[in-house]
Amino acid sequence: MSRKTREYSIIVVLLLLGAISFGLGRLSAIKTVSVPVTLCASESVPTMEASAISTPLTSSQETSQYVGSKNGTVYHLPWCAGAQRILEENKVWFSTKEEAERAGYRPATNCKGI
């Protein structure tokens, strides 16, 4: 076998290996099987009550859906990052968006869902 023939053979083998590898990779991406996730309670895993994690709510907070700051001009949903930075003594609670806007507040732009 001549040297040129051997070099061409090596190139052809490398190209075939590359094509086969690419094809197998594509095939594995197409045939993905998603297994549904099922959550179930287990007696062996201790759980915490929600009241043990969070502070108790006052009656105005239980019925309120939006929070603003006494020193600010925007209102947030209680779980937004901006609402969590407000000190408890500076929080002003609103039941509706309209109530907050009547008080001179506008929706926070970084709080999704408002």
N, C-alpha and C. Protein backbone atom coordinates (compact mmCIF):
# COMPACT_ATOMS: atom_id res chain seq x y z
N MET A 1 0.86 -1.16 0.00
CA MET A 1 0.00 0.00 0.00
C MET A 1 0.91 1.23 0.00
N SER A 2 0.60 2.20 -0.84
CA SER A 2 1.46 3.37 -0.93
C SER A 2 1.16 4.33 0.20
N ARG A 3 2.05 5.26 0.40
CA ARG A 3 1.92 6.22 1.50
C ARG A 3 0.67 7.09 1.29
N LYS A 4 0.40 7.53 0.04
CA LYS A 4 -0.78 8.35 -0.24
C LYS A 4 -2.07 7.59 0.04
N THR A 5 -2.12 6.35 -0.32
CA THR A 5 -3.31 5.54 -0.08
C THR A 5 -3.56 5.39 1.42
N ARG A 6 -2.50 5.19 2.19
CA ARG A 6 -2.63 5.07 3.64
C ARG A 6 -3.15 6.37 4.25
N GLU A 7 -2.64 7.52 3.82
CA GLU A 7 -3.09 8.82 4.33
C GLU A 7 -4.56 9.06 4.00
N TYR A 8 -4.96 8.74 2.76
CA TYR A 8 -6.37 8.88 2.38
C TYR A 8 -7.25 7.94 3.21
N SER A 9 -6.77 6.76 3.49
CA SER A 9 -7.54 5.81 4.29
C SER A 9 -7.74 6.35 5.70
N ILE A 10 -6.72 6.93 6.27
CA ILE A 10 -6.83 7.49 7.63
C ILE A 10 -7.83 8.64 7.63
N ILE A 11 -7.77 9.50 6.62
CA ILE A 11 -8.70 10.63 6.54
C ILE A 11 -10.14 10.13 6.40
N VAL A 12 -10.36 9.14 5.57
CA VAL A 12 -11.71 8.58 5.38
C VAL A 12 -12.22 7.97 6.67
N VAL A 13 -11.38 7.22 7.39
CA VAL A 13 -11.78 6.60 8.66
C VAL A 13 -12.14 7.69 9.68
N LEU A 14 -11.34 8.75 9.77
CA LEU A 14 -11.64 9.84 10.72
C LEU A 14 -12.95 10.54 10.37
N LEU A 15 -13.19 10.77 9.09
CA LEU A 15 -14.44 11.39 8.68
C LEU A 15 -15.64 10.50 9.00
N LEU A 16 -15.51 9.20 8.77
CA LEU A 16 -16.60 8.28 9.10
C LEU A 16 -16.86 8.23 10.60
N LEU A 17 -15.79 8.20 11.40
CA LEU A 17 -15.96 8.21 12.86
C LEU A 17 -16.65 9.49 13.33
N GLY A 18 -16.26 10.61 12.75
CA GLY A 18 -16.91 11.87 13.10
C GLY A 18 -18.38 11.88 12.75
N ALA A 19 -18.70 11.38 11.55
CA ALA A 19 -20.10 11.35 11.12
C ALA A 19 -20.93 10.42 12.00
N ILE A 20 -20.37 9.28 12.34
CA ILE A 20 -21.08 8.33 13.20
C ILE A 20 -21.29 8.92 14.59
N SER A 21 -20.26 9.57 15.13
CA SER A 21 -20.39 10.19 16.46
C SER A 21 -21.45 11.28 16.46
N PHE A 22 -21.43 12.10 15.41
CA PHE A 22 -22.43 13.16 15.31
C PHE A 22 -23.84 12.57 15.22
N GLY A 23 -24.00 11.54 14.41
CA GLY A 23 -25.30 10.90 14.26
C GLY A 23 -25.81 10.29 15.56
N LEU A 24 -24.92 9.65 16.31
CA LEU A 24 -25.32 9.07 17.59
C LEU A 24 -25.70 10.16 18.59
N GLY A 25 -24.98 11.26 18.56
CA GLY A 25 -25.32 12.38 19.46
C GLY A 25 -26.68 12.95 19.16
N ARG A 26 -26.98 13.12 17.87
CA ARG A 26 -28.30 13.62 17.47
C ARG A 26 -29.39 12.63 17.84
N LEU A 27 -29.11 11.36 17.65
CA LEU A 27 -30.09 10.32 17.96
C LEU A 27 -30.40 10.30 19.45
N SER A 28 -29.40 10.47 20.28
CA SER A 28 -29.64 10.47 21.73
C SER A 28 -30.43 11.69 22.16
N ALA A 29 -30.28 12.81 21.47
CA ALA A 29 -31.04 14.01 21.81
C ALA A 29 -32.50 13.88 21.40
N ILE A 30 -32.76 13.15 20.35
CA ILE A 30 -34.13 12.98 19.87
C ILE A 30 -34.91 12.01 20.75
N LYS A 31 -34.28 10.99 21.24
CA LYS A 31 -34.95 9.92 21.96
C LYS A 31 -34.94 10.14 23.48
N THR A 32 -35.01 11.38 23.95
CA THR A 32 -35.03 11.62 25.39
C THR A 32 -36.38 11.20 25.96
N VAL A 33 -36.34 10.58 27.08
CA VAL A 33 -37.55 10.15 27.76
C VAL A 33 -37.64 10.94 29.06
N SER A 34 -38.72 11.68 29.20
CA SER A 34 -38.89 12.44 30.43
C SER A 34 -39.74 11.63 31.40
N VAL A 35 -39.22 11.49 32.57
CA VAL A 35 -39.90 10.74 33.61
C VAL A 35 -40.63 11.73 34.50
N PRO A 36 -41.92 11.57 34.72
CA PRO A 36 -42.63 12.51 35.58
C PRO A 36 -42.13 12.42 37.01
N VAL A 37 -42.07 13.57 37.65
CA VAL A 37 -41.62 13.64 39.03
C VAL A 37 -42.84 13.57 39.94
N THR A 38 -42.79 12.70 40.91
CA THR A 38 -43.88 12.56 41.85
C THR A 38 -43.36 12.88 43.25
N LEU A 39 -44.02 13.80 43.90
CA LEU A 39 -43.65 14.16 45.26
C LEU A 39 -44.59 13.48 46.23
N CYS A 40 -44.03 12.91 47.25
CA CYS A 40 -44.88 12.29 48.25
C CYS A 40 -44.28 12.57 49.63
N ALA A 41 -45.13 12.59 50.61
CA ALA A 41 -44.68 12.84 51.97
C ALA A 41 -44.07 11.57 52.56
N SER A 42 -43.06 11.76 53.35
CA SER A 42 -42.41 10.64 53.98
C SER A 42 -42.36 10.88 55.47
N GLU A 43 -42.66 9.88 56.22
CA GLU A 43 -42.64 10.04 57.67
C GLU A 43 -41.22 10.12 58.21
N SER A 44 -40.25 9.67 57.43
CA SER A 44 -38.87 9.67 57.90
C SER A 44 -38.20 11.03 57.75
N VAL A 45 -38.79 11.94 56.94
CA VAL A 45 -38.20 13.25 56.74
C VAL A 45 -38.96 14.25 57.60
N PRO A 46 -38.28 14.92 58.52
CA PRO A 46 -38.98 15.88 59.35
C PRO A 46 -39.37 17.11 58.53
N THR A 47 -40.55 17.64 58.79
CA THR A 47 -41.01 18.84 58.10
C THR A 47 -41.19 19.95 59.12
N MET A 48 -41.09 21.18 58.64
CA MET A 48 -41.27 22.33 59.51
C MET A 48 -42.62 22.96 59.21
N GLU A 49 -43.28 23.40 60.20
CA GLU A 49 -44.52 24.11 60.02
C GLU A 49 -44.22 25.48 59.43
N ALA A 50 -45.14 26.01 58.64
CA ALA A 50 -44.93 27.32 58.03
C ALA A 50 -44.80 28.39 59.10
N SER A 51 -45.52 28.25 60.19
CA SER A 51 -45.44 29.26 61.25
C SER A 51 -44.08 29.28 61.92
N ALA A 52 -43.36 28.18 61.89
CA ALA A 52 -42.03 28.15 62.48
C ALA A 52 -41.01 28.84 61.60
N ILE A 53 -41.30 28.96 60.31
CA ILE A 53 -40.37 29.58 59.39
C ILE A 53 -40.57 31.09 59.32
N SER A 54 -41.80 31.53 59.23
CA SER A 54 -42.07 32.95 59.04
C SER A 54 -42.58 33.59 60.33
N THR A 55 -42.54 34.89 60.33
CA THR A 55 -43.05 35.62 61.48
C THR A 55 -44.57 35.65 61.40
N PRO A 56 -45.25 35.73 62.54
CA PRO A 56 -46.71 35.75 62.51
C PRO A 56 -47.22 37.00 61.78
N LEU A 57 -48.32 36.85 61.04
CA LEU A 57 -48.88 37.98 60.31
C LEU A 57 -49.88 38.73 61.17
N THR A 58 -49.93 40.04 60.99
CA THR A 58 -50.95 40.82 61.66
C THR A 58 -52.22 40.73 60.83
N SER A 59 -53.34 41.18 61.36
CA SER A 59 -54.60 41.05 60.65
C SER A 59 -54.59 41.87 59.36
N SER A 60 -53.89 43.01 59.31
CA SER A 60 -53.85 43.80 58.08
C SER A 60 -53.01 43.11 57.02
N GLN A 61 -51.98 42.38 57.42
CA GLN A 61 -51.13 41.68 56.47
C GLN A 61 -51.83 40.45 55.89
N GLU A 62 -52.69 39.80 56.64
CA GLU A 62 -53.37 38.60 56.17
C GLU A 62 -54.28 38.89 55.00
N THR A 63 -54.91 40.09 54.97
CA THR A 63 -55.83 40.45 53.90
C THR A 63 -55.17 41.29 52.83
N SER A 64 -53.92 41.69 53.00
CA SER A 64 -53.23 42.56 52.06
C SER A 64 -52.42 41.75 51.06
N GLN A 65 -52.37 42.28 49.85
CA GLN A 65 -51.64 41.60 48.79
C GLN A 65 -50.46 42.41 48.29
N TYR A 66 -50.36 43.68 48.65
CA TYR A 66 -49.31 44.55 48.15
C TYR A 66 -48.70 45.31 49.32
N VAL A 67 -47.41 45.62 49.18
CA VAL A 67 -46.71 46.32 50.25
C VAL A 67 -45.86 47.43 49.65
N GLY A 68 -45.82 48.54 50.35
CA GLY A 68 -44.98 49.66 49.97
C GLY A 68 -44.24 50.15 51.20
N SER A 69 -43.38 51.13 51.00
CA SER A 69 -42.63 51.69 52.10
C SER A 69 -43.18 53.07 52.43
N LYS A 70 -43.16 53.41 53.71
CA LYS A 70 -43.57 54.76 54.12
C LYS A 70 -42.71 55.81 53.43
N ASN A 71 -41.45 55.46 53.18
CA ASN A 71 -40.49 56.42 52.60
C ASN A 71 -40.39 56.32 51.08
N GLY A 72 -41.15 55.41 50.45
CA GLY A 72 -41.03 55.19 49.01
C GLY A 72 -42.26 55.59 48.25
N THR A 73 -42.21 55.31 46.93
CA THR A 73 -43.34 55.65 46.06
C THR A 73 -43.79 54.46 45.23
N VAL A 74 -43.26 53.27 45.48
CA VAL A 74 -43.63 52.09 44.71
C VAL A 74 -44.23 51.02 45.62
N TYR A 75 -45.06 50.16 45.04
CA TYR A 75 -45.59 49.03 45.79
C TYR A 75 -45.15 47.73 45.15
N HIS A 76 -45.06 46.67 45.94
CA HIS A 76 -44.53 45.38 45.52
C HIS A 76 -45.49 44.27 45.95
N LEU A 77 -45.29 43.10 45.37
CA LEU A 77 -45.88 41.88 45.94
C LEU A 77 -45.01 41.50 47.13
N PRO A 78 -45.57 40.90 48.17
CA PRO A 78 -44.79 40.64 49.39
C PRO A 78 -43.54 39.79 49.20
N TRP A 79 -43.48 38.92 48.17
CA TRP A 79 -42.32 38.05 47.99
C TRP A 79 -41.26 38.65 47.07
N CYS A 80 -41.51 39.82 46.52
CA CYS A 80 -40.50 40.45 45.65
C CYS A 80 -39.31 40.94 46.46
N ALA A 81 -38.16 41.01 45.79
CA ALA A 81 -36.93 41.41 46.48
C ALA A 81 -37.05 42.81 47.08
N GLY A 82 -37.70 43.72 46.38
CA GLY A 82 -37.86 45.07 46.91
C GLY A 82 -38.67 45.10 48.19
N ALA A 83 -39.70 44.28 48.26
CA ALA A 83 -40.54 44.24 49.47
C ALA A 83 -39.79 43.64 50.64
N GLN A 84 -38.91 42.71 50.38
CA GLN A 84 -38.17 42.06 51.46
C GLN A 84 -37.09 42.97 52.04
N ARG A 85 -36.72 44.02 51.29
CA ARG A 85 -35.72 44.97 51.81
C ARG A 85 -36.34 46.06 52.68
N ILE A 86 -37.67 46.16 52.69
CA ILE A 86 -38.34 47.19 53.49
C ILE A 86 -38.36 46.74 54.95
N LEU A 87 -37.96 47.62 55.85
CA LEU A 87 -38.01 47.31 57.28
C LEU A 87 -39.47 47.16 57.71
N GLU A 88 -39.71 46.26 58.64
CA GLU A 88 -41.08 45.98 59.10
C GLU A 88 -41.79 47.24 59.57
N GLU A 89 -41.09 48.11 60.27
CA GLU A 89 -41.74 49.32 60.81
C GLU A 89 -42.08 50.33 59.71
N ASN A 90 -41.50 50.17 58.51
CA ASN A 90 -41.77 51.10 57.41
C ASN A 90 -42.75 50.53 56.39
N LYS A 91 -43.25 49.31 56.57
CA LYS A 91 -44.15 48.70 55.59
C LYS A 91 -45.56 49.28 55.69
N VAL A 92 -46.13 49.54 54.51
CA VAL A 92 -47.51 49.98 54.38
C VAL A 92 -48.20 48.94 53.51
N TRP A 93 -49.31 48.37 54.00
CA TRP A 93 -49.98 47.26 53.31
C TRP A 93 -51.23 47.76 52.59
N PHE A 94 -51.47 47.20 51.39
CA PHE A 94 -52.64 47.54 50.59
C PHE A 94 -53.34 46.26 50.15
N SER A 95 -54.65 46.29 50.09
CA SER A 95 -55.43 45.13 49.67
C SER A 95 -55.49 45.00 48.16
N THR A 96 -55.52 46.13 47.46
CA THR A 96 -55.63 46.12 46.01
C THR A 96 -54.61 47.06 45.38
N LYS A 97 -54.40 46.90 44.08
CA LYS A 97 -53.52 47.81 43.34
C LYS A 97 -54.12 49.22 43.35
N GLU A 98 -55.44 49.29 43.17
CA GLU A 98 -56.12 50.58 43.12
C GLU A 98 -55.92 51.35 44.43
N GLU A 99 -55.99 50.64 45.55
CA GLU A 99 -55.79 51.28 46.85
C GLU A 99 -54.38 51.86 46.95
N ALA A 100 -53.39 51.11 46.49
CA ALA A 100 -52.01 51.59 46.52
C ALA A 100 -51.83 52.79 45.60
N GLU A 101 -52.44 52.76 44.43
CA GLU A 101 -52.30 53.86 43.49
C GLU A 101 -53.04 55.11 43.96
N ARG A 102 -54.18 54.92 44.65
CA ARG A 102 -54.88 56.07 45.23
C ARG A 102 -54.03 56.73 46.31
N ALA A 103 -53.18 55.94 46.97
CA ALA A 103 -52.32 56.48 48.03
C ALA A 103 -51.05 57.12 47.44
N GLY A 104 -50.92 57.11 46.11
CA GLY A 104 -49.79 57.78 45.47
C GLY A 104 -48.63 56.86 45.12
N TYR A 105 -48.83 55.56 45.22
CA TYR A 105 -47.77 54.61 44.89
C TYR A 105 -47.95 54.13 43.45
N ARG A 106 -46.85 53.71 42.82
CA ARG A 106 -46.88 53.13 41.49
C ARG A 106 -46.30 51.72 41.58
N PRO A 107 -46.60 50.84 40.59
CA PRO A 107 -46.08 49.46 40.65
C PRO A 107 -44.57 49.44 40.48
N ALA A 108 -43.91 48.53 41.19
CA ALA A 108 -42.46 48.35 41.05
C ALA A 108 -42.17 47.71 39.71
N THR A 109 -41.18 48.22 39.00
CA THR A 109 -40.87 47.70 37.66
C THR A 109 -40.11 46.38 37.73
N ASN A 110 -39.46 46.09 38.84
CA ASN A 110 -38.67 44.85 38.95
C ASN A 110 -39.43 43.73 39.64
N CYS A 111 -40.70 43.90 39.86
CA CYS A 111 -41.53 42.90 40.56
C CYS A 111 -42.49 42.29 39.55
N LYS A 112 -42.19 41.06 39.10
CA LYS A 112 -43.01 40.38 38.09
C LYS A 112 -44.37 40.01 38.69
N GLY A 113 -45.42 40.23 37.92
CA GLY A 113 -46.74 39.83 38.35
C GLY A 113 -47.64 40.98 38.75
N ILE A 114 -47.09 42.17 38.81
CA ILE A 114 -47.92 43.33 39.18
C ILE A 114 -48.53 43.90 37.92
